[in-house]
Amino acid sequence: MQQQWEVCYTTNTEVNARLIAGHLQAQGIPAQVLSQVDSMRAFTLGSLAIAKVLVPQEYYTQAIECLIDMEIEDESDNTDTDTFDV
C-alpha cells in the first residue's frame, strides 16, 4: 500500500519550503519538498512559482500544529504566497 502525502505548506520559494521541511524533520515528522519553481529564472512569478511541503497523511495534524507553534504567519497580503493548507 502506498503512503498518502498531504500538502501542509506552500510558498513561492524553494528555500522557504526546504527550511520548513527541515524544521518538521527535526521534530520527527517526515517531510518532502515538491518544487514547481522555475530555477532557470532569478525571480519568482507569484502564484506560478510554487514550492510545497508534503507530509504523510498520518502526520498532517502534527505538522500543522508544529507550524502554528513556530508562529509562521500567512503573508498573503504581501507578494509572498506562503500559506498553511489547513
C-alpha atoms as a PDB file:
ATOM      1  CA  MET A   1       0.000   0.000   0.000  1.00  0.00           C
ATOM      2  CA  GLN A   2       1.358   3.402  -0.976  1.00  0.00           C
ATOM      3  CA  GLN A   3       1.720   6.121   1.614  1.00  0.00           C
ATOM      4  CA  GLN A   4      -0.561   9.124   1.070  1.00  0.00           C
ATOM      5  CA  TRP A   5       1.091  12.552   1.328  1.00  0.00           C
ATOM      6  CA  GLU A   6      -0.669  15.825   2.181  1.00  0.00           C
ATOM      7  CA  VAL A   7       0.434  19.384   1.444  1.00  0.00           C
ATOM      8  CA  CYS A   8       0.833  21.256   4.733  1.00  0.00           C
ATOM      9  CA  TYR A   9       2.567  24.411   3.489  1.00  0.00           C
ATOM     10  CA  THR A  10       3.047  26.288   0.224  1.00  0.00           C
ATOM     11  CA  THR A  11       5.404  29.117  -0.638  1.00  0.00           C
ATOM     12  CA  ASN A  12       6.857  30.780  -3.715  1.00  0.00           C
ATOM     13  CA  THR A  13      10.482  29.966  -2.878  1.00  0.00           C
ATOM     14  CA  GLU A  14      12.154  26.591  -2.615  1.00  0.00           C
ATOM     15  CA  VAL A  15      14.428  27.912   0.150  1.00  0.00           C
ATOM     16  CA  ASN A  16      11.446  28.629   2.427  1.00  0.00           C
ATOM     17  CA  ALA A  17       9.963  25.218   1.674  1.00  0.00           C
ATOM     18  CA  ARG A  18      13.246  23.463   2.499  1.00  0.00           C
ATOM     19  CA  LEU A  19      13.565  25.405   5.776  1.00  0.00           C
ATOM     20  CA  ILE A  20      10.047  24.400   6.809  1.00  0.00           C
ATOM     21  CA  ALA A  21      10.620  20.768   5.777  1.00  0.00           C
ATOM     22  CA  GLY A  22      13.885  20.719   7.738  1.00  0.00           C
ATOM     23  CA  HIS A  23      12.160  22.009  10.854  1.00  0.00           C
ATOM     24  CA  LEU A  24       9.417  19.399  10.549  1.00  0.00           C
ATOM     25  CA  GLN A  25      12.025  16.661  10.080  1.00  0.00           C
ATOM     26  CA  ALA A  26      13.865  17.887  13.190  1.00  0.00           C
ATOM     27  CA  GLN A  27      10.587  17.360  15.074  1.00  0.00           C
ATOM     28  CA  GLY A  28      10.407  13.763  13.836  1.00  0.00           C
ATOM     29  CA  ILE A  29       7.870  14.460  11.083  1.00  0.00           C
ATOM     30  CA  PRO A  30       8.783  13.046   7.662  1.00  0.00           C
ATOM     31  CA  ALA A  31       8.606  15.862   5.096  1.00  0.00           C
ATOM     32  CA  GLN A  32       9.375  16.319   1.416  1.00  0.00           C
ATOM     33  CA  VAL A  33       9.532  19.357  -0.855  1.00  0.00           C
ATOM     34  CA  LEU A  34       7.821  19.416  -4.218  1.00  0.00           C
ATOM     35  CA  SER A  35       9.200  22.399  -6.108  1.00  0.00           C
ATOM     36  CA  GLN A  36       7.471  23.830  -9.128  1.00  0.00           C
ATOM     37  CA  VAL A  37       9.657  26.946  -9.045  1.00  0.00           C
ATOM     38  CA  ASP A  38      11.383  27.709 -12.338  1.00  0.00           C
ATOM     39  CA  SER A  39      15.068  27.521 -11.403  1.00  0.00           C
ATOM     40  CA  MET A  40      16.139  28.978 -14.751  1.00  0.00           C
ATOM     41  CA  ARG A  41      14.892  32.418 -13.747  1.00  0.00           C
ATOM     42  CA  ALA A  42      16.274  34.577 -10.949  1.00  0.00           C
ATOM     43  CA  PHE A  43      12.821  35.818  -9.975  1.00  0.00           C
ATOM     44  CA  THR A  44       9.561  34.313  -8.824  1.00  0.00           C
ATOM     45  CA  LEU A  45       6.337  34.546 -10.769  1.00  0.00           C
ATOM     46  CA  GLY A  46       3.821  34.957  -7.967  1.00  0.00           C
ATOM     47  CA  SER A  47       1.456  32.042  -7.758  1.00  0.00           C
ATOM     48  CA  LEU A  48       3.095  30.424 -10.797  1.00  0.00           C
ATOM     49  CA  ALA A  49       6.222  29.723  -8.730  1.00  0.00           C
ATOM     50  CA  ILE A  50       5.176  27.270  -6.050  1.00  0.00           C
ATOM     51  CA  ALA A  51       7.065  25.026  -3.666  1.00  0.00           C
ATOM     52  CA  LYS A  52       5.030  22.679  -1.481  1.00  0.00           C
ATOM     53  CA  VAL A  53       5.919  20.906   1.750  1.00  0.00           C
ATOM     54  CA  LEU A  54       4.307  17.483   1.982  1.00  0.00           C
ATOM     55  CA  VAL A  55       3.965  15.172   4.975  1.00  0.00           C
ATOM     56  CA  PRO A  56       2.477  11.680   5.274  1.00  0.00           C
ATOM     57  CA  GLN A  57      -1.260  11.816   5.890  1.00  0.00           C
ATOM     58  CA  GLU A  58      -0.931  10.407   9.406  1.00  0.00           C
ATOM     59  CA  TYR A  59       1.466  13.265  10.352  1.00  0.00           C
ATOM     60  CA  TYR A  60      -0.625  16.076   8.844  1.00  0.00           C
ATOM     61  CA  THR A  61      -2.255  17.315  12.075  1.00  0.00           C
ATOM     62  CA  GLN A  62       1.044  17.127  13.954  1.00  0.00           C
ATOM     63  CA  ALA A  63       2.771  19.084  11.161  1.00  0.00           C
ATOM     64  CA  ILE A  64       0.149  21.846  11.195  1.00  0.00           C
ATOM     65  CA  GLU A  65       0.413  22.107  14.987  1.00  0.00           C
ATOM     66  CA  CYS A  66       4.196  22.335  14.680  1.00  0.00           C
ATOM     67  CA  LEU A  67       3.909  25.126  12.103  1.00  0.00           C
ATOM     68  CA  ILE A  68       1.452  27.008  14.296  1.00  0.00           C
ATOM     69  CA  ASP A  69       3.852  26.639  17.237  1.00  0.00           C
ATOM     70  CA  MET A  70       6.560  28.161  15.041  1.00  0.00           C
ATOM     71  CA  GLU A  71       4.233  31.168  14.654  1.00  0.00           C
ATOM     72  CA  ILE A  72       4.668  31.237  10.900  1.00  0.00           C
ATOM     73  CA  GLU A  73       2.442  33.973   9.560  1.00  0.00           C
ATOM     74  CA  ASP A  74       0.393  33.807   6.403  1.00  0.00           C
ATOM     75  CA  GLU A  75       1.788  36.630   4.298  1.00  0.00           C
ATOM     76  CA  SER A  76      -0.930  36.503   1.644  1.00  0.00           C
ATOM     77  CA  ASP A  77      -1.321  40.280   1.742  1.00  0.00           C
ATOM     78  CA  ASN A  78       2.316  40.580   0.596  1.00  0.00           C
ATOM     79  CA  THR A  79       3.752  39.381  -2.697  1.00  0.00           C
ATOM     80  CA  ASP A  80       4.752  36.127  -0.971  1.00  0.00           C
ATOM     81  CA  THR A  81       2.371  33.224  -1.254  1.00  0.00           C
ATOM     82  CA  ASP A  82       3.352  31.322   1.893  1.00  0.00           C
ATOM     83  CA  THR A  83       0.254  29.600   3.263  1.00  0.00           C
ATOM     84  CA  PHE A  84      -0.806  26.818   5.570  1.00  0.00           C
ATOM     85  CA  ASP A  85      -3.037  24.223   3.983  1.00  0.00           C
ATOM     86  CA  VAL A  86      -5.388  23.688   6.915  1.00  0.00           C
END
